[in-house]
Amino acid sequence: MKHQTLDQLQAVAEVESFAVYPAMTRTQRIERWAELLEQNPTRCLGALPGTEYMNREARDRSRGAGTPLTVAFEDPVLRAMGLSDDTYGEAKRFFELSDRQLHQIVCHCHVGATMQARWAAARVRGIVRGNRFVAWLKGLIVH
């Protein structure tokens, strides 16, 4: 029996996945992404350059090998949930993020050309937690 990758098999046969995963909420998808990043906390990841300066179409198509977006796309569960590639636009859609939120995770202006996965995980988790200081200020103003 010859070992072949899934990509090799798909070239010669129709391969169907029978794994069924329960639907995930936005928060669960983001938490899973953070957990995936934390599995190898010292992994060196690349950043995307200048996302804030790109027009929307170019930004949505932007991608890079070995970015935090790549880590998410490597996960078969997130792919089964509908993550179709590792582009900026697809991550924005799938994780339901604003440009500001995704920019803070993947843009080189925050970390330089590379970052450790633990740093990216903390930024991803920050989306779920939100800005505690801003929440505290809102609490003071509302009451």
N, C-alpha and C. Protein backbone atom coordinates (compact mmCIF):
# COMPACT_ATOMS: atom_id res chain seq x y z
N MET A 1 0.85 -1.18 0.00
CA MET A 1 0.00 0.00 0.00
C MET A 1 0.89 1.23 0.00
N LYS A 2 0.64 2.13 -0.90
CA LYS A 2 1.44 3.35 -1.04
C LYS A 2 0.78 4.49 -0.27
N HIS A 3 1.59 5.19 0.54
CA HIS A 3 1.08 6.34 1.27
C HIS A 3 0.98 7.54 0.34
N GLN A 4 -0.16 8.22 0.35
CA GLN A 4 -0.35 9.41 -0.45
C GLN A 4 -1.02 10.48 0.39
N THR A 5 -0.69 11.73 0.12
CA THR A 5 -1.34 12.83 0.83
C THR A 5 -2.75 13.00 0.30
N LEU A 6 -3.56 13.73 1.03
CA LEU A 6 -4.93 14.00 0.59
C LEU A 6 -4.94 14.72 -0.75
N ASP A 7 -4.02 15.66 -0.94
CA ASP A 7 -3.94 16.38 -2.22
C ASP A 7 -3.62 15.42 -3.37
N GLN A 8 -2.72 14.47 -3.14
CA GLN A 8 -2.38 13.51 -4.18
C GLN A 8 -3.59 12.63 -4.51
N LEU A 9 -4.32 12.22 -3.49
CA LEU A 9 -5.51 11.40 -3.73
C LEU A 9 -6.58 12.17 -4.49
N GLN A 10 -6.75 13.43 -4.15
CA GLN A 10 -7.77 14.23 -4.82
C GLN A 10 -7.46 14.43 -6.30
N ALA A 11 -6.21 14.31 -6.67
CA ALA A 11 -5.83 14.44 -8.08
C ALA A 11 -6.30 13.25 -8.90
N VAL A 12 -6.49 12.09 -8.26
CA VAL A 12 -6.86 10.89 -9.01
C VAL A 12 -8.23 10.32 -8.61
N ALA A 13 -8.83 10.86 -7.56
CA ALA A 13 -10.12 10.34 -7.11
C ALA A 13 -10.90 11.44 -6.42
N GLU A 14 -12.20 11.24 -6.36
CA GLU A 14 -13.04 12.17 -5.62
C GLU A 14 -13.02 11.74 -4.15
N VAL A 15 -12.52 12.61 -3.30
CA VAL A 15 -12.39 12.30 -1.88
C VAL A 15 -13.43 13.09 -1.11
N GLU A 16 -14.23 12.39 -0.33
CA GLU A 16 -15.26 13.05 0.47
C GLU A 16 -14.92 12.88 1.94
N SER A 17 -15.19 13.91 2.68
CA SER A 17 -14.97 13.87 4.12
C SER A 17 -16.27 13.51 4.81
N PHE A 18 -16.20 12.56 5.71
CA PHE A 18 -17.40 12.14 6.41
C PHE A 18 -17.44 12.62 7.85
N ALA A 19 -16.40 13.34 8.25
CA ALA A 19 -16.39 13.87 9.61
C ALA A 19 -17.46 14.95 9.72
N VAL A 20 -18.25 14.84 10.77
CA VAL A 20 -19.30 15.82 11.01
C VAL A 20 -18.95 16.57 12.29
N TYR A 21 -18.88 17.88 12.18
CA TYR A 21 -18.55 18.72 13.33
C TYR A 21 -19.76 19.57 13.67
N PRO A 22 -20.02 19.75 14.95
CA PRO A 22 -21.13 20.63 15.32
C PRO A 22 -20.82 22.06 14.91
N ALA A 23 -21.84 22.81 14.61
CA ALA A 23 -21.65 24.22 14.24
C ALA A 23 -20.98 24.96 15.38
N MET A 24 -20.15 25.93 15.03
CA MET A 24 -19.46 26.73 16.03
C MET A 24 -19.93 28.17 15.94
N THR A 25 -20.01 28.81 17.09
CA THR A 25 -20.31 30.23 17.13
C THR A 25 -19.06 31.00 16.73
N ARG A 26 -19.21 32.28 16.51
CA ARG A 26 -18.07 33.14 16.19
C ARG A 26 -17.01 33.03 17.29
N THR A 27 -17.44 33.13 18.53
CA THR A 27 -16.51 33.06 19.65
C THR A 27 -15.78 31.72 19.68
N GLN A 28 -16.48 30.63 19.42
CA GLN A 28 -15.85 29.31 19.41
C GLN A 28 -14.83 29.19 18.29
N ARG A 29 -15.14 29.75 17.13
CA ARG A 29 -14.18 29.71 16.02
C ARG A 29 -12.92 30.50 16.36
N ILE A 30 -13.10 31.67 16.95
CA ILE A 30 -11.95 32.50 17.33
C ILE A 30 -11.14 31.82 18.43
N GLU A 31 -11.81 31.23 19.41
CA GLU A 31 -11.11 30.51 20.49
C GLU A 31 -10.31 29.34 19.92
N ARG A 32 -10.90 28.62 18.98
CA ARG A 32 -10.17 27.50 18.37
C ARG A 32 -8.92 28.00 17.66
N TRP A 33 -9.02 29.11 16.97
CA TRP A 33 -7.87 29.69 16.30
C TRP A 33 -6.77 30.02 17.32
N ALA A 34 -7.15 30.63 18.43
CA ALA A 34 -6.17 30.94 19.48
C ALA A 34 -5.54 29.66 20.02
N GLU A 35 -6.34 28.64 20.25
CA GLU A 35 -5.81 27.36 20.76
C GLU A 35 -4.83 26.74 19.78
N LEU A 36 -5.13 26.81 18.48
CA LEU A 36 -4.22 26.28 17.46
C LEU A 36 -2.89 27.01 17.50
N LEU A 37 -2.93 28.32 17.64
CA LEU A 37 -1.70 29.10 17.73
C LEU A 37 -0.91 28.73 18.98
N GLU A 38 -1.60 28.47 20.07
CA GLU A 38 -0.93 28.14 21.33
C GLU A 38 -0.33 26.74 21.35
N GLN A 39 -0.72 25.88 20.42
CA GLN A 39 -0.16 24.53 20.38
C GLN A 39 1.33 24.54 20.10
N ASN A 40 1.80 25.54 19.40
CA ASN A 40 3.23 25.69 19.11
C ASN A 40 3.58 27.16 19.36
N PRO A 41 3.66 27.57 20.63
CA PRO A 41 3.76 28.99 20.97
C PRO A 41 4.99 29.71 20.45
N THR A 42 6.08 28.99 20.20
CA THR A 42 7.29 29.65 19.72
C THR A 42 7.43 29.59 18.19
N ARG A 43 6.43 29.04 17.53
CA ARG A 43 6.46 28.99 16.06
C ARG A 43 6.59 30.41 15.52
N CYS A 44 7.49 30.58 14.60
CA CYS A 44 7.72 31.89 13.98
C CYS A 44 6.73 32.06 12.82
N LEU A 45 5.91 33.08 12.93
CA LEU A 45 4.89 33.34 11.91
C LEU A 45 5.19 34.64 11.19
N GLY A 46 4.81 34.70 9.95
CA GLY A 46 5.01 35.91 9.17
C GLY A 46 3.84 36.87 9.33
N ALA A 47 4.10 38.13 9.07
CA ALA A 47 3.07 39.16 9.10
C ALA A 47 2.77 39.61 7.67
N LEU A 48 1.63 40.22 7.49
CA LEU A 48 1.28 40.78 6.19
C LEU A 48 1.69 42.25 6.17
N PRO A 49 2.35 42.69 5.13
CA PRO A 49 2.81 44.08 5.10
C PRO A 49 1.73 45.07 4.65
N GLY A 50 1.61 46.15 5.41
CA GLY A 50 0.81 47.30 5.00
C GLY A 50 -0.65 47.08 4.69
N THR A 51 -1.33 46.27 5.46
CA THR A 51 -2.74 46.01 5.15
C THR A 51 -3.58 47.28 5.21
N GLU A 52 -3.19 48.22 6.04
CA GLU A 52 -3.98 49.45 6.17
C GLU A 52 -3.85 50.37 4.95
N TYR A 53 -2.85 50.14 4.11
CA TYR A 53 -2.63 50.97 2.93
C TYR A 53 -3.19 50.37 1.65
N MET A 54 -3.62 49.13 1.70
CA MET A 54 -4.13 48.45 0.50
C MET A 54 -5.57 48.85 0.25
N ASN A 55 -5.97 48.84 -1.04
CA ASN A 55 -7.40 49.00 -1.31
C ASN A 55 -8.09 47.71 -0.87
N ARG A 56 -9.39 47.77 -0.74
CA ARG A 56 -10.14 46.64 -0.18
C ARG A 56 -9.91 45.34 -0.94
N GLU A 57 -9.92 45.40 -2.26
CA GLU A 57 -9.76 44.19 -3.05
C GLU A 57 -8.38 43.56 -2.85
N ALA A 58 -7.35 44.36 -2.86
CA ALA A 58 -5.99 43.85 -2.66
C ALA A 58 -5.82 43.31 -1.25
N ARG A 59 -6.38 44.01 -0.27
CA ARG A 59 -6.28 43.56 1.12
C ARG A 59 -6.98 42.21 1.29
N ASP A 60 -8.17 42.10 0.72
CA ASP A 60 -8.92 40.84 0.85
C ASP A 60 -8.20 39.66 0.20
N ARG A 61 -7.43 39.90 -0.86
CA ARG A 61 -6.69 38.83 -1.54
C ARG A 61 -5.34 38.55 -0.90
N SER A 62 -4.87 39.44 -0.03
CA SER A 62 -3.52 39.29 0.50
C SER A 62 -3.40 38.05 1.38
N ARG A 63 -2.24 37.45 1.28
CA ARG A 63 -1.93 36.26 2.07
C ARG A 63 -0.41 36.13 2.12
N GLY A 64 0.05 35.30 3.00
CA GLY A 64 1.48 35.03 3.09
C GLY A 64 1.68 33.64 3.66
N ALA A 65 2.75 33.01 3.27
CA ALA A 65 3.05 31.68 3.79
C ALA A 65 3.43 31.79 5.26
N GLY A 66 2.87 30.93 6.08
CA GLY A 66 3.25 30.86 7.47
C GLY A 66 2.77 32.01 8.33
N THR A 67 1.59 32.54 8.06
CA THR A 67 1.00 33.60 8.87
C THR A 67 0.04 33.01 9.90
N PRO A 68 -0.47 33.81 10.83
CA PRO A 68 -1.52 33.30 11.72
C PRO A 68 -2.74 32.78 10.95
N LEU A 69 -2.99 33.34 9.78
CA LEU A 69 -4.10 32.88 8.94
C LEU A 69 -3.82 31.48 8.41
N THR A 70 -2.56 31.19 8.12
CA THR A 70 -2.16 29.86 7.66
C THR A 70 -2.44 28.82 8.75
N VAL A 71 -2.15 29.18 9.99
CA VAL A 71 -2.39 28.25 11.11
C VAL A 71 -3.87 27.89 11.17
N ALA A 72 -4.73 28.87 11.01
CA ALA A 72 -6.17 28.59 11.03
C ALA A 72 -6.55 27.68 9.87
N PHE A 73 -6.03 27.97 8.68
CA PHE A 73 -6.41 27.19 7.51
C PHE A 73 -5.85 25.77 7.54
N GLU A 74 -4.78 25.54 8.26
CA GLU A 74 -4.22 24.19 8.38
C GLU A 74 -5.13 23.27 9.18
N ASP A 75 -6.07 23.82 9.92
CA ASP A 75 -6.94 23.03 10.79
C ASP A 75 -8.11 22.43 10.00
N PRO A 76 -8.24 21.10 10.00
CA PRO A 76 -9.34 20.48 9.24
C PRO A 76 -10.71 20.83 9.81
N VAL A 77 -10.80 21.10 11.09
CA VAL A 77 -12.10 21.44 11.69
C VAL A 77 -12.57 22.80 11.17
N LEU A 78 -11.69 23.80 11.19
CA LEU A 78 -12.08 25.12 10.70
C LEU A 78 -12.39 25.08 9.20
N ARG A 79 -11.65 24.28 8.46
CA ARG A 79 -11.97 24.12 7.03
C ARG A 79 -13.34 23.47 6.85
N ALA A 80 -13.64 22.48 7.67
CA ALA A 80 -14.95 21.83 7.59
C ALA A 80 -16.08 22.80 7.96
N MET A 81 -15.76 23.77 8.81
CA MET A 81 -16.74 24.77 9.22
C MET A 81 -16.95 25.85 8.14
N GLY A 82 -16.06 25.86 7.12
CA GLY A 82 -16.26 26.79 6.02
C GLY A 82 -15.12 27.73 5.71
N LEU A 83 -13.98 27.61 6.41
CA LEU A 83 -12.83 28.44 6.09
C LEU A 83 -12.23 27.93 4.79
N SER A 84 -12.31 28.71 3.72
CA SER A 84 -11.95 28.21 2.40
C SER A 84 -10.51 28.47 1.97
N ASP A 85 -9.83 29.42 2.60
CA ASP A 85 -8.42 29.66 2.27
C ASP A 85 -7.78 30.50 3.38
N ASP A 86 -6.53 30.90 3.17
CA ASP A 86 -5.83 31.65 4.21
C ASP A 86 -5.59 33.11 3.82
N THR A 87 -6.54 33.67 3.08
CA THR A 87 -6.44 35.08 2.72
C THR A 87 -7.03 35.96 3.82
N TYR A 88 -6.62 37.21 3.79
CA TYR A 88 -7.12 38.21 4.73
C TYR A 88 -8.65 38.30 4.66
N GLY A 89 -9.18 38.41 3.44
CA GLY A 89 -10.62 38.55 3.26
C GLY A 89 -11.41 37.36 3.76
N GLU A 90 -10.89 36.17 3.53
CA GLU A 90 -11.60 34.97 3.99
C GLU A 90 -11.57 34.88 5.50
N ALA A 91 -10.44 35.22 6.12
CA ALA A 91 -10.37 35.22 7.58
C ALA A 91 -11.33 36.25 8.17
N LYS A 92 -11.39 37.40 7.54
CA LYS A 92 -12.30 38.46 7.99
C LYS A 92 -13.75 37.96 7.95
N ARG A 93 -14.12 37.31 6.84
CA ARG A 93 -15.47 36.78 6.71
C ARG A 93 -15.75 35.66 7.70
N PHE A 94 -14.87 34.66 7.72
CA PHE A 94 -15.10 33.47 8.51
C PHE A 94 -15.13 33.76 10.02
N PHE A 95 -14.21 34.57 10.49
CA PHE A 95 -14.15 34.87 11.92
C PHE A 95 -14.99 36.08 12.30
N GLU A 96 -15.65 36.68 11.30
CA GLU A 96 -16.51 37.85 11.51
C GLU A 96 -15.75 38.97 12.21
N LEU A 97 -14.65 39.38 11.59
CA LEU A 97 -13.78 40.40 12.15
C LEU A 97 -13.88 41.70 11.36
N SER A 98 -13.60 42.79 12.03
CA SER A 98 -13.49 44.07 11.33
C SER A 98 -12.07 44.17 10.77
N ASP A 99 -11.87 45.10 9.86
CA ASP A 99 -10.52 45.33 9.34
C ASP A 99 -9.58 45.73 10.47
N ARG A 100 -10.05 46.54 11.39
CA ARG A 100 -9.21 46.97 12.52
C ARG A 100 -8.77 45.77 13.34
N GLN A 101 -9.69 44.87 13.64
CA GLN A 101 -9.35 43.70 14.46
C GLN A 101 -8.34 42.80 13.75
N LEU A 102 -8.57 42.51 12.48
CA LEU A 102 -7.67 41.62 11.76
C LEU A 102 -6.32 42.30 11.53
N HIS A 103 -6.34 43.58 11.26
CA HIS A 103 -5.10 44.34 11.10
C HIS A 103 -4.22 44.20 12.33
N GLN A 104 -4.80 44.29 13.51
CA GLN A 104 -4.03 44.20 14.75
C GLN A 104 -3.40 42.83 14.95
N ILE A 105 -3.93 41.82 14.31
CA ILE A 105 -3.38 40.46 14.44
C ILE A 105 -2.30 40.19 13.41
N VAL A 106 -2.52 40.59 12.17
CA VAL A 106 -1.65 40.12 11.10
C VAL A 106 -0.72 41.16 10.46
N CYS A 107 -0.92 42.44 10.73
CA CYS A 107 -0.14 43.44 10.01
C CYS A 107 1.25 43.63 10.61
N HIS A 108 2.24 43.79 9.75
CA HIS A 108 3.63 43.93 10.18
C HIS A 108 3.88 45.20 10.99
N CYS A 109 3.03 46.20 10.88
CA CYS A 109 3.27 47.44 11.61
C CYS A 109 3.17 47.24 13.12
N HIS A 110 2.57 46.14 13.57
CA HIS A 110 2.47 45.86 15.00
C HIS A 110 3.62 44.99 15.51
N VAL A 111 4.22 44.19 14.64
CA VAL A 111 5.24 43.23 15.10
C VAL A 111 6.50 43.17 14.26
N GLY A 112 6.53 43.83 13.15
CA GLY A 112 7.64 43.64 12.23
C GLY A 112 7.31 42.49 11.29
N ALA A 113 8.32 41.95 10.68
CA ALA A 113 8.11 40.91 9.66
C ALA A 113 7.64 39.58 10.24
N THR A 114 8.02 39.28 11.50
CA THR A 114 7.65 38.00 12.10
C THR A 114 7.14 38.18 13.53
N MET A 115 6.47 37.14 14.00
CA MET A 115 5.95 37.13 15.38
C MET A 115 5.93 35.69 15.86
N GLN A 116 5.93 35.52 17.17
CA GLN A 116 5.74 34.19 17.73
C GLN A 116 4.24 33.90 17.79
N ALA A 117 3.90 32.64 17.65
CA ALA A 117 2.50 32.24 17.66
C ALA A 117 1.81 32.63 18.97
N ARG A 118 2.54 32.61 20.09
CA ARG A 118 1.91 32.98 21.37
C ARG A 118 1.43 34.43 21.34
N TRP A 119 2.19 35.31 20.66
CA TRP A 119 1.78 36.70 20.55
C TRP A 119 0.50 36.80 19.73
N ALA A 120 0.48 36.09 18.61
CA ALA A 120 -0.72 36.11 17.77
C ALA A 120 -1.92 35.54 18.52
N ALA A 121 -1.71 34.49 19.30
CA ALA A 121 -2.80 33.90 20.08
C ALA A 121 -3.37 34.91 21.06
N ALA A 122 -2.51 35.68 21.71
CA ALA A 122 -2.98 36.69 22.66
C ALA A 122 -3.80 37.75 21.94
N ARG A 123 -3.38 38.15 20.74
CA ARG A 123 -4.13 39.15 19.98
C ARG A 123 -5.48 38.58 19.53
N VAL A 124 -5.48 37.32 19.11
CA VAL A 124 -6.74 36.67 18.70
C VAL A 124 -7.68 36.59 19.89
N ARG A 125 -7.18 36.17 21.04
CA ARG A 125 -8.01 36.08 22.24
C ARG A 125 -8.53 37.45 22.67
N GLY A 126 -7.76 38.48 22.43
CA GLY A 126 -8.18 39.83 22.77
C GLY A 126 -9.46 40.25 22.07
N ILE A 127 -9.70 39.68 20.90
CA ILE A 127 -10.93 39.99 20.17
C ILE A 127 -12.14 39.52 20.96
N VAL A 128 -12.04 38.33 21.52
CA VAL A 128 -13.16 37.78 22.28
C VAL A 128 -13.36 38.56 23.58
N ARG A 129 -12.27 38.88 24.25
CA ARG A 129 -12.36 39.60 25.52
C ARG A 129 -12.73 41.06 25.32
N GLY A 130 -12.31 41.62 24.20
CA GLY A 130 -12.53 43.04 23.97
C GLY A 130 -11.54 43.86 24.78
N ASN A 131 -11.67 45.14 24.69
CA ASN A 131 -10.81 46.05 25.42
C ASN A 131 -11.41 46.29 26.79
N ARG A 132 -10.81 45.73 27.81
CA ARG A 132 -11.36 45.84 29.17
C ARG A 132 -11.39 47.27 29.67
N PHE A 133 -10.40 48.07 29.30
CA PHE A 133 -10.36 49.46 29.73
C PHE A 133 -11.54 50.24 29.14
N VAL A 134 -11.80 50.04 27.84
CA VAL A 134 -12.93 50.71 27.20
C VAL A 134 -14.24 50.26 27.83
N ALA A 135 -14.36 48.97 28.11
CA ALA A 135 -15.57 48.46 28.75
C ALA A 135 -15.76 49.09 30.14
N TRP A 136 -14.67 49.24 30.86
CA TRP A 136 -14.72 49.87 32.18
C TRP A 136 -15.18 51.31 32.07
N LEU A 137 -14.63 52.05 31.09
CA LEU A 137 -15.04 53.45 30.89
C LEU A 137 -16.51 53.55 30.51
N LYS A 138 -16.96 52.67 29.63
CA LYS A 138 -18.38 52.67 29.25
C LYS A 138 -19.25 52.42 30.47
N GLY A 139 -18.81 51.51 31.34
CA GLY A 139 -19.56 51.23 32.56
C GLY A 139 -19.68 52.46 33.45
N LEU A 140 -18.64 53.25 33.54
CA LEU A 140 -18.67 54.47 34.33
C LEU A 140 -19.61 55.50 33.74
N ILE A 141 -19.58 55.63 32.43
CA ILE A 141 -20.40 56.64 31.76
C ILE A 141 -21.87 56.29 31.79
N VAL A 142 -22.19 55.02 31.59
CA VAL A 142 -23.58 54.59 31.54
C VAL A 142 -24.24 54.68 32.91
N HIS A 143 -23.50 54.38 33.94
CA HIS A 143 -24.09 54.38 35.29
C HIS A 143 -24.05 55.72 35.84
